[in-house]
Structures are given as C-alpha cells and as structure tokens.
N, C-alpha and C. Protein backbone atom coordinates (compact mmCIF):
# COMPACT_ATOMS: atom_id res chain seq x y z
N MET A 1 5.41 20.77 23.83
CA MET A 1 3.97 20.63 23.84
C MET A 1 3.39 21.38 25.03
N SER A 2 2.26 21.99 24.81
CA SER A 2 1.59 22.68 25.90
C SER A 2 0.87 21.67 26.80
N GLU A 3 0.46 22.10 27.96
CA GLU A 3 -0.30 21.24 28.87
C GLU A 3 -1.57 20.72 28.19
N GLU A 4 -2.22 21.60 27.43
CA GLU A 4 -3.46 21.21 26.73
C GLU A 4 -3.18 20.14 25.67
N GLN A 5 -2.08 20.30 24.94
CA GLN A 5 -1.72 19.32 23.93
C GLN A 5 -1.39 17.97 24.56
N ILE A 6 -0.68 18.00 25.66
CA ILE A 6 -0.32 16.76 26.36
C ILE A 6 -1.58 16.07 26.86
N THR A 7 -2.49 16.84 27.45
CA THR A 7 -3.74 16.26 27.95
C THR A 7 -4.54 15.65 26.81
N TRP A 8 -4.66 16.37 25.70
CA TRP A 8 -5.40 15.83 24.55
C TRP A 8 -4.75 14.55 24.05
N TYR A 9 -3.44 14.59 23.88
CA TYR A 9 -2.74 13.42 23.35
C TYR A 9 -2.91 12.22 24.26
N ALA A 10 -2.79 12.44 25.56
CA ALA A 10 -2.93 11.33 26.52
C ALA A 10 -4.34 10.75 26.51
N GLN A 11 -5.34 11.58 26.28
CA GLN A 11 -6.73 11.11 26.33
C GLN A 11 -7.21 10.51 25.02
N TYR A 12 -6.79 11.05 23.90
CA TYR A 12 -7.43 10.71 22.63
C TYR A 12 -6.53 10.05 21.59
N SER A 13 -5.26 10.00 21.84
CA SER A 13 -4.36 9.45 20.83
C SER A 13 -4.06 7.98 21.11
N ASP A 14 -3.27 7.39 20.23
CA ASP A 14 -2.93 5.97 20.36
C ASP A 14 -1.57 5.75 21.00
N GLY A 15 -1.11 6.69 21.79
CA GLY A 15 0.22 6.62 22.38
C GLY A 15 0.43 5.52 23.41
N LEU A 16 -0.63 4.97 23.96
CA LEU A 16 -0.47 3.96 25.00
C LEU A 16 0.02 2.62 24.47
N ASP A 17 -0.12 2.38 23.18
CA ASP A 17 0.36 1.10 22.63
C ASP A 17 1.66 1.27 21.85
N LYS A 18 2.40 2.33 22.14
CA LYS A 18 3.65 2.60 21.43
C LYS A 18 4.83 2.63 22.39
N ALA A 19 5.94 2.06 21.95
CA ALA A 19 7.17 2.18 22.72
C ALA A 19 7.57 3.65 22.70
N GLY A 20 7.77 4.25 23.82
CA GLY A 20 8.12 5.66 23.87
C GLY A 20 6.92 6.57 23.96
N GLY A 21 5.71 6.04 23.81
CA GLY A 21 4.50 6.83 24.01
C GLY A 21 3.98 7.59 22.81
N TYR A 22 4.59 7.42 21.64
CA TYR A 22 4.06 8.10 20.47
C TYR A 22 4.43 7.32 19.21
N GLY A 23 3.65 7.54 18.18
CA GLY A 23 3.93 6.94 16.88
C GLY A 23 4.15 8.04 15.86
N ILE A 24 5.30 8.06 15.25
CA ILE A 24 5.63 9.11 14.27
C ILE A 24 4.69 9.04 13.07
N GLN A 25 4.07 7.89 12.84
CA GLN A 25 3.19 7.72 11.70
C GLN A 25 1.73 8.00 12.02
N SER A 26 1.45 8.53 13.21
CA SER A 26 0.05 8.80 13.56
C SER A 26 -0.09 10.21 14.13
N ASP A 27 -0.92 10.40 15.11
CA ASP A 27 -1.23 11.72 15.65
C ASP A 27 0.00 12.53 16.07
N ALA A 28 1.00 11.87 16.59
CA ALA A 28 2.18 12.57 17.09
C ALA A 28 3.01 13.21 15.98
N ALA A 29 2.74 12.87 14.73
CA ALA A 29 3.53 13.39 13.61
C ALA A 29 3.58 14.92 13.60
N ILE A 30 2.53 15.57 14.08
CA ILE A 30 2.51 17.04 14.06
C ILE A 30 3.53 17.65 15.02
N TYR A 31 4.05 16.86 15.96
CA TYR A 31 5.01 17.37 16.93
C TYR A 31 6.45 17.01 16.58
N ILE A 32 6.66 16.26 15.51
CA ILE A 32 8.00 15.82 15.12
C ILE A 32 8.61 16.84 14.16
N LYS A 33 9.72 17.43 14.56
CA LYS A 33 10.38 18.43 13.73
C LYS A 33 11.26 17.79 12.66
N GLY A 34 11.75 16.60 12.94
CA GLY A 34 12.62 15.93 11.98
C GLY A 34 13.14 14.63 12.55
N ILE A 35 13.74 13.85 11.69
CA ILE A 35 14.36 12.60 12.11
C ILE A 35 15.73 12.52 11.47
N GLU A 36 16.58 11.69 12.04
CA GLU A 36 17.88 11.40 11.45
C GLU A 36 17.85 9.94 11.05
N GLY A 37 18.18 9.67 9.82
CA GLY A 37 18.19 8.29 9.35
C GLY A 37 16.97 7.99 8.51
N ASP A 38 16.78 6.73 8.26
CA ASP A 38 15.72 6.23 7.40
C ASP A 38 14.38 6.23 8.14
N TYR A 39 13.35 6.82 7.53
CA TYR A 39 12.02 6.87 8.14
C TYR A 39 11.53 5.47 8.51
N ASN A 40 11.74 4.50 7.61
CA ASN A 40 11.27 3.14 7.87
C ASN A 40 11.96 2.51 9.06
N ASN A 41 13.20 2.89 9.32
CA ASN A 41 13.91 2.38 10.48
C ASN A 41 13.38 3.02 11.76
N VAL A 42 13.00 4.28 11.68
CA VAL A 42 12.43 4.97 12.83
C VAL A 42 11.08 4.36 13.19
N VAL A 43 10.28 4.08 12.17
CA VAL A 43 8.94 3.52 12.38
C VAL A 43 9.02 2.07 12.84
N GLY A 44 9.92 1.32 12.30
CA GLY A 44 10.03 -0.10 12.62
C GLY A 44 11.06 -0.78 11.75
N LEU A 45 10.86 -2.04 11.49
CA LEU A 45 11.79 -2.82 10.69
C LEU A 45 11.90 -2.26 9.28
N PRO A 46 13.12 -1.94 8.83
CA PRO A 46 13.30 -1.44 7.46
C PRO A 46 13.24 -2.59 6.46
N VAL A 47 12.05 -2.95 6.03
CA VAL A 47 11.81 -4.14 5.22
C VAL A 47 12.59 -4.10 3.91
N ALA A 48 12.59 -2.96 3.23
CA ALA A 48 13.30 -2.88 1.95
C ALA A 48 14.79 -3.15 2.12
N ARG A 49 15.39 -2.57 3.12
CA ARG A 49 16.82 -2.80 3.33
C ARG A 49 17.09 -4.25 3.71
N LEU A 50 16.25 -4.81 4.57
CA LEU A 50 16.41 -6.21 4.96
C LEU A 50 16.36 -7.11 3.72
N TYR A 51 15.40 -6.85 2.84
CA TYR A 51 15.29 -7.64 1.61
C TYR A 51 16.58 -7.57 0.80
N HIS A 52 17.09 -6.36 0.58
CA HIS A 52 18.29 -6.20 -0.24
C HIS A 52 19.53 -6.81 0.42
N GLU A 53 19.62 -6.70 1.72
CA GLU A 53 20.76 -7.32 2.43
C GLU A 53 20.70 -8.83 2.31
N LEU A 54 19.52 -9.41 2.49
CA LEU A 54 19.37 -10.86 2.37
C LEU A 54 19.62 -11.32 0.93
N ALA A 55 19.18 -10.54 -0.04
CA ALA A 55 19.41 -10.87 -1.44
C ALA A 55 20.90 -10.83 -1.76
N ALA A 56 21.61 -9.85 -1.22
CA ALA A 56 23.05 -9.74 -1.46
C ALA A 56 23.80 -10.95 -0.89
N LEU A 57 23.27 -11.52 0.18
CA LEU A 57 23.86 -12.70 0.79
C LEU A 57 23.35 -13.99 0.15
N LYS A 58 22.52 -13.84 -0.89
CA LYS A 58 21.93 -14.98 -1.61
C LYS A 58 21.08 -15.85 -0.68
N LEU A 59 20.41 -15.20 0.29
CA LEU A 59 19.56 -15.94 1.22
C LEU A 59 18.11 -15.95 0.79
N ILE A 60 17.78 -15.15 -0.22
CA ILE A 60 16.42 -15.15 -0.78
C ILE A 60 16.50 -15.08 -2.29
C-alpha cells in the first residue's frame, strides 16, 4: 500500500474495530491478493462447517 492509501484507510475505513486492523469483507478487500483456506473461516466462525460437524455428532 502506498502512503496515501494507508492514510486514507486509517482515516476513513472501519479498520479500527477489526482484529489485525482490516476486514477482508469490507474496504480492505481491494488489497487482498488471495487467501488460503475457507473464506468463512478467514472472516470468522465457519457456521456451515460447525453445523455439519455438530450434526455428524448427533448434537443437533
């Protein structure tokens, strides 16, 4: 990121309420070249997988 991009992001984006300073699902997405793994796991709790794991254990 350029100095100008960093300044803009720090002033106008929602990075202050994110662990790590950015949210892949918001303004910072334009700076993300790629991810490894499940997008939902990167963003947060992988709800679909949790559901299927609990169902397999007959917990739901």
